[in-house]
Amino acid sequence: MSQLPYWDRPPDVRDGLTPTLRLVLRLLRDAQRERGGRSVPTALLYGRVLEHMAMSEHELMVCLGRLGID
């Protein structure tokens, strides 16, 4: 039986985050730490997301909106 890729799995029942949202949030946190707590440019975050999965710019903006990040 094959497993779905982590980004296609259903949301976790504990917090409602999909694996894709969880990945974006983790990459954002890592980038903020590297930048000393400063804001992370969306282009930088997008590049990091693309290293892990295929996603359009629009999809990233939707993810950020769902996370409440402007």
PDB file of N, CA and C in Angstrom:
ATOM      1  N   MET A   1       0.850  -1.193   0.000  1.00  0.00           N
ATOM      2  CA  MET A   1       0.000   0.000   0.000  1.00  0.00           C
ATOM      3  C   MET A   1       0.888   1.246   0.000  1.00  0.00           C
ATOM      4  N   SER A   2       0.679   2.122  -0.944  1.00  0.00           N
ATOM      5  CA  SER A   2       1.509   3.326  -1.028  1.00  0.00           C
ATOM      6  C   SER A   2       0.907   4.449  -0.191  1.00  0.00           C
ATOM      7  N   GLN A   3       1.781   5.188   0.439  1.00  0.00           N
ATOM      8  CA  GLN A   3       1.343   6.339   1.229  1.00  0.00           C
ATOM      9  C   GLN A   3       1.306   7.575   0.350  1.00  0.00           C
ATOM     10  N   LEU A   4       0.409   8.479   0.687  1.00  0.00           N
ATOM     11  CA  LEU A   4       0.367   9.765  -0.009  1.00  0.00           C
ATOM     12  C   LEU A   4       1.586  10.581   0.378  1.00  0.00           C
ATOM     13  N   PRO A   5       2.094  11.429  -0.532  1.00  0.00           N
ATOM     14  CA  PRO A   5       3.167  12.337  -0.140  1.00  0.00           C
ATOM     15  C   PRO A   5       2.686  13.202   1.021  1.00  0.00           C
ATOM     16  N   TYR A   6       3.599  13.638   1.854  1.00  0.00           N
ATOM     17  CA  TYR A   6       3.203  14.364   3.068  1.00  0.00           C
ATOM     18  C   TYR A   6       2.355  15.586   2.783  1.00  0.00           C
ATOM     19  N   TRP A   7       2.545  16.237   1.632  1.00  0.00           N
ATOM     20  CA  TRP A   7       1.780  17.453   1.361  1.00  0.00           C
ATOM     21  C   TRP A   7       0.346  17.142   0.896  1.00  0.00           C
ATOM     22  N   ASP A   8       0.058  15.897   0.567  1.00  0.00           N
ATOM     23  CA  ASP A   8      -1.289  15.523   0.135  1.00  0.00           C
ATOM     24  C   ASP A   8      -2.086  14.825   1.239  1.00  0.00           C
ATOM     25  N   ARG A   9      -1.508  14.666   2.397  1.00  0.00           N
ATOM     26  CA  ARG A   9      -2.215  14.006   3.486  1.00  0.00           C
ATOM     27  C   ARG A   9      -3.254  14.950   4.083  1.00  0.00           C
ATOM     28  N   PRO A  10      -4.303  14.388   4.680  1.00  0.00           N
ATOM     29  CA  PRO A  10      -5.333  15.241   5.296  1.00  0.00           C
ATOM     30  C   PRO A  10      -4.800  16.010   6.495  1.00  0.00           C
ATOM     31  N   PRO A  11      -5.520  17.037   6.933  1.00  0.00           N
ATOM     32  CA  PRO A  11      -5.075  17.825   8.082  1.00  0.00           C
ATOM     33  C   PRO A  11      -4.963  16.980   9.343  1.00  0.00           C
ATOM     34  N   ASP A  12      -4.080  17.375  10.214  1.00  0.00           N
ATOM     35  CA  ASP A  12      -3.921  16.742  11.513  1.00  0.00           C
ATOM     36  C   ASP A  12      -5.108  17.159  12.378  1.00  0.00           C
ATOM     37  N   VAL A  13      -5.737  16.224  13.031  1.00  0.00           N
ATOM     38  CA  VAL A  13      -6.940  16.552  13.808  1.00  0.00           C
ATOM     39  C   VAL A  13      -6.622  17.396  15.036  1.00  0.00           C
ATOM     40  N   ARG A  14      -5.389  17.397  15.488  1.00  0.00           N
ATOM     41  CA  ARG A  14      -5.050  18.161  16.690  1.00  0.00           C
ATOM     42  C   ARG A  14      -5.062  19.659  16.467  1.00  0.00           C
ATOM     43  N   ASP A  15      -4.587  20.103  15.310  1.00  0.00           N
ATOM     44  CA  ASP A  15      -4.524  21.553  15.084  1.00  0.00           C
ATOM     45  C   ASP A  15      -5.120  21.990  13.750  1.00  0.00           C
ATOM     46  N   GLY A  16      -5.527  21.070  12.910  1.00  0.00           N
ATOM     47  CA  GLY A  16      -6.162  21.404  11.650  1.00  0.00           C
ATOM     48  C   GLY A  16      -5.218  21.838  10.541  1.00  0.00           C
ATOM     49  N   LEU A  17      -3.909  21.764  10.785  1.00  0.00           N
ATOM     50  CA  LEU A  17      -2.951  22.157   9.758  1.00  0.00           C
ATOM     51  C   LEU A  17      -2.701  21.004   8.801  1.00  0.00           C
ATOM     52  N   THR A  18      -2.696  21.317   7.518  1.00  0.00           N
ATOM     53  CA  THR A  18      -2.319  20.320   6.531  1.00  0.00           C
ATOM     54  C   THR A  18      -0.792  20.202   6.554  1.00  0.00           C
ATOM     55  N   PRO A  19      -0.261  19.126   6.039  1.00  0.00           N
ATOM     56  CA  PRO A  19       1.199  19.017   5.967  1.00  0.00           C
ATOM     57  C   PRO A  19       1.839  20.166   5.181  1.00  0.00           C
ATOM     58  N   THR A  20       1.145  20.672   4.159  1.00  0.00           N
ATOM     59  CA  THR A  20       1.685  21.802   3.400  1.00  0.00           C
ATOM     60  C   THR A  20       1.778  23.049   4.274  1.00  0.00           C
ATOM     61  N   LEU A  21       0.724  23.349   5.018  1.00  0.00           N
ATOM     62  CA  LEU A  21       0.753  24.502   5.922  1.00  0.00           C
ATOM     63  C   LEU A  21       1.823  24.319   6.992  1.00  0.00           C
ATOM     64  N   ARG A  22       1.951  23.115   7.494  1.00  0.00           N
ATOM     65  CA  ARG A  22       2.958  22.828   8.518  1.00  0.00           C
ATOM     66  C   ARG A  22       4.369  23.068   7.971  1.00  0.00           C
ATOM     67  N   LEU A  23       4.605  22.652   6.716  1.00  0.00           N
ATOM     68  CA  LEU A  23       5.910  22.864   6.085  1.00  0.00           C
ATOM     69  C   LEU A  23       6.202  24.352   5.934  1.00  0.00           C
ATOM     70  N   VAL A  24       5.229  25.115   5.424  1.00  0.00           N
ATOM     71  CA  VAL A  24       5.419  26.557   5.234  1.00  0.00           C
ATOM     72  C   VAL A  24       5.718  27.221   6.572  1.00  0.00           C
ATOM     73  N   LEU A  25       4.987  26.846   7.596  1.00  0.00           N
ATOM     74  CA  LEU A  25       5.190  27.423   8.921  1.00  0.00           C
ATOM     75  C   LEU A  25       6.575  27.087   9.471  1.00  0.00           C
ATOM     76  N   ARG A  26       7.007  25.847   9.278  1.00  0.00           N
ATOM     77  CA  ARG A  26       8.335  25.439   9.756  1.00  0.00           C
ATOM     78  C   ARG A  26       9.437  26.191   9.020  1.00  0.00           C
ATOM     79  N   LEU A  27       9.301  26.313   7.695  1.00  0.00           N
ATOM     80  CA  LEU A  27      10.316  27.023   6.924  1.00  0.00           C
ATOM     81  C   LEU A  27      10.350  28.502   7.284  1.00  0.00           C
ATOM     82  N   LEU A  28       9.199  29.081   7.540  1.00  0.00           N
ATOM     83  CA  LEU A  28       9.138  30.480   7.968  1.00  0.00           C
ATOM     84  C   LEU A  28       9.836  30.653   9.307  1.00  0.00           C
ATOM     85  N   ARG A  29       9.555  29.778  10.249  1.00  0.00           N
ATOM     86  CA  ARG A  29      10.195  29.853  11.567  1.00  0.00           C
ATOM     87  C   ARG A  29      11.713  29.730  11.448  1.00  0.00           C
ATOM     88  N   ASP A  30      12.176  28.770  10.633  1.00  0.00           N
ATOM     89  CA  ASP A  30      13.621  28.591  10.459  1.00  0.00           C
ATOM     90  C   ASP A  30      14.272  29.837   9.857  1.00  0.00           C
ATOM     91  N   ALA A  31      13.612  30.429   8.862  1.00  0.00           N
ATOM     92  CA  ALA A  31      14.156  31.632   8.222  1.00  0.00           C
ATOM     93  C   ALA A  31      14.190  32.802   9.196  1.00  0.00           C
ATOM     94  N   GLN A  32      13.149  32.952  10.008  1.00  0.00           N
ATOM     95  CA  GLN A  32      13.126  34.032  11.004  1.00  0.00           C
ATOM     96  C   GLN A  32      14.261  33.863  12.004  1.00  0.00           C
ATOM     97  N   ARG A  33      14.514  32.652  12.425  1.00  0.00           N
ATOM     98  CA  ARG A  33      15.618  32.408  13.366  1.00  0.00           C
ATOM     99  C   ARG A  33      16.954  32.781  12.746  1.00  0.00           C
ATOM    100  N   GLU A  34      17.145  32.401  11.490  1.00  0.00           N
ATOM    101  CA  GLU A  34      18.391  32.712  10.800  1.00  0.00           C
ATOM    102  C   GLU A  34      18.572  34.217  10.626  1.00  0.00           C
ATOM    103  N   ARG A  35      17.479  34.944  10.508  1.00  0.00           N
ATOM    104  CA  ARG A  35      17.535  36.389  10.295  1.00  0.00           C
ATOM    105  C   ARG A  35      17.459  37.167  11.604  1.00  0.00           C
ATOM    106  N   GLY A  36      17.627  36.479  12.719  1.00  0.00           N
ATOM    107  CA  GLY A  36      17.629  37.155  14.010  1.00  0.00           C
ATOM    108  C   GLY A  36      16.270  37.690  14.415  1.00  0.00           C
ATOM    109  N   GLY A  37      15.204  37.020  13.989  1.00  0.00           N
ATOM    110  CA  GLY A  37      13.860  37.442  14.366  1.00  0.00           C
ATOM    111  C   GLY A  37      13.240  38.468  13.440  1.00  0.00           C
ATOM    112  N   ARG A  38      14.001  38.909  12.438  1.00  0.00           N
ATOM    113  CA  ARG A  38      13.457  39.905  11.504  1.00  0.00           C
ATOM    114  C   ARG A  38      12.471  39.276  10.533  1.00  0.00           C
ATOM    115  N   SER A  39      11.724  40.120   9.862  1.00  0.00           N
ATOM    116  CA  SER A  39      10.754  39.664   8.863  1.00  0.00           C
ATOM    117  C   SER A  39      11.454  38.908   7.740  1.00  0.00           C
ATOM    118  N   VAL A  40      10.731  37.971   7.169  1.00  0.00           N
ATOM    119  CA  VAL A  40      11.262  37.149   6.083  1.00  0.00           C
ATOM    120  C   VAL A  40      10.583  37.582   4.781  1.00  0.00           C
ATOM    121  N   PRO A  41      11.356  37.991   3.783  1.00  0.00           N
ATOM    122  CA  PRO A  41      10.754  38.347   2.499  1.00  0.00           C
ATOM    123  C   PRO A  41      10.032  37.139   1.898  1.00  0.00           C
ATOM    124  N   THR A  42       8.900  37.393   1.292  1.00  0.00           N
ATOM    125  CA  THR A  42       8.111  36.317   0.706  1.00  0.00           C
ATOM    126  C   THR A  42       8.907  35.557  -0.349  1.00  0.00           C
ATOM    127  N   ALA A  43       9.720  36.250  -1.124  1.00  0.00           N
ATOM    128  CA  ALA A  43      10.523  35.595  -2.160  1.00  0.00           C
ATOM    129  C   ALA A  43      11.500  34.596  -1.544  1.00  0.00           C
ATOM    130  N   LEU A  44      12.081  34.945  -0.404  1.00  0.00           N
ATOM    131  CA  LEU A  44      12.995  34.034   0.282  1.00  0.00           C
ATOM    132  C   LEU A  44      12.250  32.793   0.753  1.00  0.00           C
ATOM    133  N   LEU A  45      11.094  32.992   1.351  1.00  0.00           N
ATOM    134  CA  LEU A  45      10.283  31.874   1.823  1.00  0.00           C
ATOM    135  C   LEU A  45       9.847  31.007   0.644  1.00  0.00           C
ATOM    136  N   TYR A  46       9.434  31.627  -0.438  1.00  0.00           N
ATOM    137  CA  TYR A  46       8.987  30.893  -1.625  1.00  0.00           C
ATOM    138  C   TYR A  46      10.112  30.010  -2.163  1.00  0.00           C
ATOM    139  N   GLY A  47      11.305  30.544  -2.218  1.00  0.00           N
ATOM    140  CA  GLY A  47      12.445  29.749  -2.685  1.00  0.00           C
ATOM    141  C   GLY A  47      12.684  28.535  -1.807  1.00  0.00           C
ATOM    142  N   ARG A  48      12.541  28.707  -0.511  1.00  0.00           N
ATOM    143  CA  ARG A  48      12.734  27.584   0.408  1.00  0.00           C
ATOM    144  C   ARG A  48      11.634  26.543   0.257  1.00  0.00           C
ATOM    145  N   VAL A  49      10.415  27.001   0.034  1.00  0.00           N
ATOM    146  CA  VAL A  49       9.305  26.065  -0.168  1.00  0.00           C
ATOM    147  C   VAL A  49       9.542  25.248  -1.435  1.00  0.00           C
ATOM    148  N   LEU A  50      10.014  25.899  -2.499  1.00  0.00           N
ATOM    149  CA  LEU A  50      10.255  25.206  -3.756  1.00  0.00           C
ATOM    150  C   LEU A  50      11.334  24.136  -3.635  1.00  0.00           C
ATOM    151  N   GLU A  51      12.215  24.261  -2.654  1.00  0.00           N
ATOM    152  CA  GLU A  51      13.223  23.228  -2.433  1.00  0.00           C
ATOM    153  C   GLU A  51      12.591  21.930  -1.937  1.00  0.00           C
ATOM    154  N   HIS A  52      11.380  22.018  -1.393  1.00  0.00           N
ATOM    155  CA  HIS A  52      10.711  20.850  -0.815  1.00  0.00           C
ATOM    156  C   HIS A  52       9.541  20.346  -1.640  1.00  0.00           C
ATOM    157  N   MET A  53       8.874  21.233  -2.338  1.00  0.00           N
ATOM    158  CA  MET A  53       7.698  20.835  -3.098  1.00  0.00           C
ATOM    159  C   MET A  53       7.379  21.862  -4.175  1.00  0.00           C
ATOM    160  N   ALA A  54       6.612  21.433  -5.172  1.00  0.00           N
ATOM    161  CA  ALA A  54       6.175  22.341  -6.227  1.00  0.00           C
ATOM    162  C   ALA A  54       4.954  23.108  -5.736  1.00  0.00           C
ATOM    163  N   MET A  55       5.024  24.426  -5.855  1.00  0.00           N
ATOM    164  CA  MET A  55       3.920  25.278  -5.404  1.00  0.00           C
ATOM    165  C   MET A  55       3.987  26.581  -6.183  1.00  0.00           C
ATOM    166  N   SER A  56       2.835  27.080  -6.606  1.00  0.00           N
ATOM    167  CA  SER A  56       2.809  28.357  -7.305  1.00  0.00           C
ATOM    168  C   SER A  56       2.880  29.490  -6.276  1.00  0.00           C
ATOM    169  N   GLU A  57       3.192  30.671  -6.764  1.00  0.00           N
ATOM    170  CA  GLU A  57       3.228  31.834  -5.881  1.00  0.00           C
ATOM    171  C   GLU A  57       1.849  32.073  -5.263  1.00  0.00           C
ATOM    172  N   HIS A  58       0.817  31.882  -6.074  1.00  0.00           N
ATOM    173  CA  HIS A  58      -0.550  32.071  -5.577  1.00  0.00           C
ATOM    174  C   HIS A  58      -0.854  31.084  -4.441  1.00  0.00           C
ATOM    175  N   GLU A  59      -0.447  29.839  -4.605  1.00  0.00           N
ATOM    176  CA  GLU A  59      -0.690  28.838  -3.560  1.00  0.00           C
ATOM    177  C   GLU A  59       0.022  29.215  -2.263  1.00  0.00           C
ATOM    178  N   LEU A  60       1.234  29.744  -2.380  1.00  0.00           N
ATOM    179  CA  LEU A  60       1.942  30.180  -1.178  1.00  0.00           C
ATOM    180  C   LEU A  60       1.194  31.317  -0.500  1.00  0.00           C
ATOM    181  N   MET A  61       0.700  32.264  -1.282  1.00  0.00           N
ATOM    182  CA  MET A  61      -0.041  33.383  -0.697  1.00  0.00           C
ATOM    183  C   MET A  61      -1.315  32.897  -0.007  1.00  0.00           C
ATOM    184  N   VAL A  62      -1.973  31.897  -0.575  1.00  0.00           N
ATOM    185  CA  VAL A  62      -3.163  31.321   0.054  1.00  0.00           C
ATOM    186  C   VAL A  62      -2.779  30.667   1.374  1.00  0.00           C
ATOM    187  N   CYS A  63      -1.661  29.923   1.382  1.00  0.00           N
ATOM    188  CA  CYS A  63      -1.179  29.289   2.620  1.00  0.00           C
ATOM    189  C   CYS A  63      -0.887  30.344   3.685  1.00  0.00           C
ATOM    190  N   LEU A  64      -0.209  31.405   3.302  1.00  0.00           N
ATOM    191  CA  LEU A  64       0.121  32.458   4.259  1.00  0.00           C
ATOM    192  C   LEU A  64      -1.144  33.118   4.786  1.00  0.00           C
ATOM    193  N   GLY A  65      -2.122  33.305   3.914  1.00  0.00           N
ATOM    194  CA  GLY A  65      -3.399  33.867   4.355  1.00  0.00           C
ATOM    195  C   GLY A  65      -4.109  32.963   5.341  1.00  0.00           C
ATOM    196  N   ARG A  66      -4.086  31.664   5.101  1.00  0.00           N
ATOM    197  CA  ARG A  66      -4.725  30.721   6.017  1.00  0.00           C
ATOM    198  C   ARG A  66      -4.029  30.702   7.363  1.00  0.00           C
ATOM    199  N   LEU A  67      -2.727  30.981   7.362  1.00  0.00           N
ATOM    200  CA  LEU A  67      -1.960  31.028   8.602  1.00  0.00           C
ATOM    201  C   LEU A  67      -2.074  32.385   9.293  1.00  0.00           C
ATOM    202  N   GLY A  68      -2.711  33.343   8.618  1.00  0.00           N
ATOM    203  CA  GLY A  68      -2.866  34.676   9.199  1.00  0.00           C
ATOM    204  C   GLY A  68      -1.623  35.526   9.073  1.00  0.00           C
ATOM    205  N   ILE A  69      -0.807  35.226   8.073  1.00  0.00           N
ATOM    206  CA  ILE A  69       0.444  35.946   7.860  1.00  0.00           C
ATOM    207  C   ILE A  69       0.282  36.837   6.631  1.00  0.00           C
ATOM    208  N   ASP A  70       0.558  38.116   6.780  1.00  0.00           N
ATOM    209  CA  ASP A  70       0.444  39.058   5.645  1.00  0.00           C
ATOM    210  C   ASP A  70       1.782  39.322   5.033  1.00  0.00           C
TER     211      ASP A  70
END
